[in-house]
Amino acid sequence: MQQQSLTELLDNIEAELRRLRYLVGEPTLPAGVSSAFGYGQVSFEQWLGHVFLPNARAAVASNELPGSSHVAGAAVRNLDGADEADTLLGLLAAFDAKINRLGATQGPSRGA
């Protein structure tokens, strides 16, 4: 049940990324992005669509969720002043809340 709600939430995040035109085409992992949130390598918007989204989908599919998530905080910092991103920020905050709630109930031994 929780996996389905995370999948649906990721579908909504992807739809909002597309509406904002932050994601065009298929979300594919760019080679060589190794820094947190893509700093210095790709724009944050590109990182959301091409790194965060595929990695989050893979984690949900494999049920290897991180113990915590803080993508919404990074989004607030990076998208400050972009009023059109308010819906996206809310979706990312909901994603963080679900992951963090799961991490709190299932302990620190969760993978990824």
Protein backbone atom coordinates (compact mmCIF):
# COMPACT_ATOMS: atom_id res chain seq x y z
CA MET A 1 0.00 0.00 0.00
CA GLN A 2 2.77 2.44 0.93
CA GLN A 3 4.67 1.57 -2.26
CA GLN A 4 1.61 2.44 -4.35
CA SER A 5 1.18 5.81 -2.69
CA LEU A 6 4.87 6.61 -3.25
CA THR A 7 4.56 5.56 -6.90
CA GLU A 8 1.50 7.76 -7.35
CA LEU A 9 3.29 10.65 -5.66
CA LEU A 10 6.28 10.22 -8.00
CA ASP A 11 3.87 10.16 -10.96
CA ASN A 12 2.45 13.49 -9.75
CA ILE A 13 5.96 14.92 -9.28
CA GLU A 14 6.87 13.88 -12.82
CA ALA A 15 3.67 15.42 -14.21
CA GLU A 16 4.43 18.69 -12.42
CA LEU A 17 8.05 18.69 -13.65
CA ARG A 18 6.70 18.30 -17.18
CA ARG A 19 4.08 21.03 -16.71
CA LEU A 20 6.83 23.40 -15.59
CA ARG A 21 9.01 22.23 -18.51
CA TYR A 22 11.74 21.24 -16.05
CA LEU A 23 11.55 17.77 -17.60
CA VAL A 24 11.27 17.25 -21.34
CA GLY A 25 11.65 13.79 -22.85
CA GLU A 26 12.45 10.68 -20.87
CA PRO A 27 14.01 10.94 -17.42
CA THR A 28 17.45 9.41 -17.94
CA LEU A 29 20.44 9.40 -15.63
CA PRO A 30 23.12 11.75 -16.97
CA ALA A 31 26.64 10.40 -16.83
CA GLY A 32 28.96 11.75 -14.19
CA VAL A 33 26.53 13.48 -11.82
CA SER A 34 28.01 12.66 -8.46
CA SER A 35 27.46 15.74 -6.29
CA ALA A 36 24.52 16.16 -3.96
CA PHE A 37 21.61 17.69 -5.86
CA GLY A 38 23.86 18.01 -8.95
CA TYR A 39 25.62 21.12 -7.63
CA GLY A 40 28.13 22.35 -10.18
CA GLN A 41 27.21 19.64 -12.68
CA VAL A 42 23.58 20.16 -13.79
CA SER A 43 20.85 22.61 -12.89
CA PHE A 44 18.71 21.67 -9.92
CA GLU A 45 15.70 21.39 -12.23
CA GLN A 46 17.61 18.93 -14.43
CA TRP A 47 18.72 17.02 -11.35
CA LEU A 48 15.10 16.65 -10.19
CA GLY A 49 13.97 15.14 -13.49
CA HIS A 50 17.03 13.16 -14.49
CA VAL A 51 18.60 12.04 -11.21
CA PHE A 52 16.10 12.29 -8.36
CA LEU A 53 13.10 10.93 -10.25
CA PRO A 54 14.74 7.78 -11.75
CA ASN A 55 16.56 7.04 -8.47
CA ALA A 56 13.41 7.49 -6.39
CA ARG A 57 11.43 5.25 -8.75
CA ALA A 58 14.14 2.58 -8.57
CA ALA A 59 14.20 2.76 -4.76
CA VAL A 60 10.41 2.37 -4.57
CA ALA A 61 10.39 -0.50 -7.08
CA SER A 62 13.09 -2.38 -5.18
CA ASN A 63 11.67 -1.42 -1.76
CA GLU A 64 15.12 -0.11 -0.79
CA LEU A 65 14.05 3.28 0.47
CA PRO A 66 16.43 5.69 2.19
CA GLY A 67 15.98 6.29 5.89
CA SER A 68 15.25 9.96 5.25
CA SER A 69 14.72 12.46 2.46
CA HIS A 70 15.29 16.21 2.32
CA VAL A 71 14.69 17.03 -1.34
CA ALA A 72 12.00 19.60 -0.52
CA GLY A 73 14.43 21.71 1.51
CA ALA A 74 16.89 21.74 -1.40
CA ALA A 75 14.03 22.63 -3.74
CA VAL A 76 12.96 25.56 -1.58
CA ARG A 77 16.52 26.92 -1.65
CA ASN A 78 17.02 26.34 -5.38
CA LEU A 79 13.59 27.42 -6.60
CA ASP A 80 13.25 30.45 -4.33
CA GLY A 81 11.19 33.09 -6.08
CA ALA A 82 9.70 30.70 -8.64
CA ASP A 83 6.06 31.05 -7.63
CA GLU A 84 5.04 28.67 -10.41
CA ALA A 85 6.87 25.88 -8.52
CA ASP A 86 4.64 25.99 -5.42
CA THR A 87 2.76 22.81 -6.39
CA LEU A 88 6.04 21.01 -7.05
CA LEU A 89 7.38 22.12 -3.66
CA GLY A 90 4.27 20.71 -1.98
CA LEU A 91 4.65 17.38 -3.77
CA LEU A 92 8.33 17.14 -2.83
CA ALA A 93 7.46 17.96 0.80
CA ALA A 94 4.86 15.16 0.74
CA PHE A 95 7.50 12.78 -0.65
CA ASP A 96 9.93 13.73 2.14
CA ALA A 97 7.21 13.29 4.77
CA LYS A 98 6.34 9.78 3.52
CA ILE A 99 9.97 8.68 3.35
CA ASN A 100 10.82 10.21 6.72
CA ARG A 101 7.76 8.62 8.33
CA LEU A 102 8.77 5.22 6.95
CA GLY A 103 12.35 5.71 8.10
CA ALA A 104 11.18 6.62 11.59
CA THR A 105 8.93 3.55 11.87
CA GLN A 106 11.31 1.05 10.29
CA GLY A 107 14.58 2.20 11.82
CA PRO A 108 17.99 3.11 10.48
CA SER A 109 18.69 -0.25 8.79
CA ARG A 110 16.82 0.67 5.60
CA GLY A 111 18.95 0.58 2.45
CA ALA A 112 19.98 3.10 -0.23
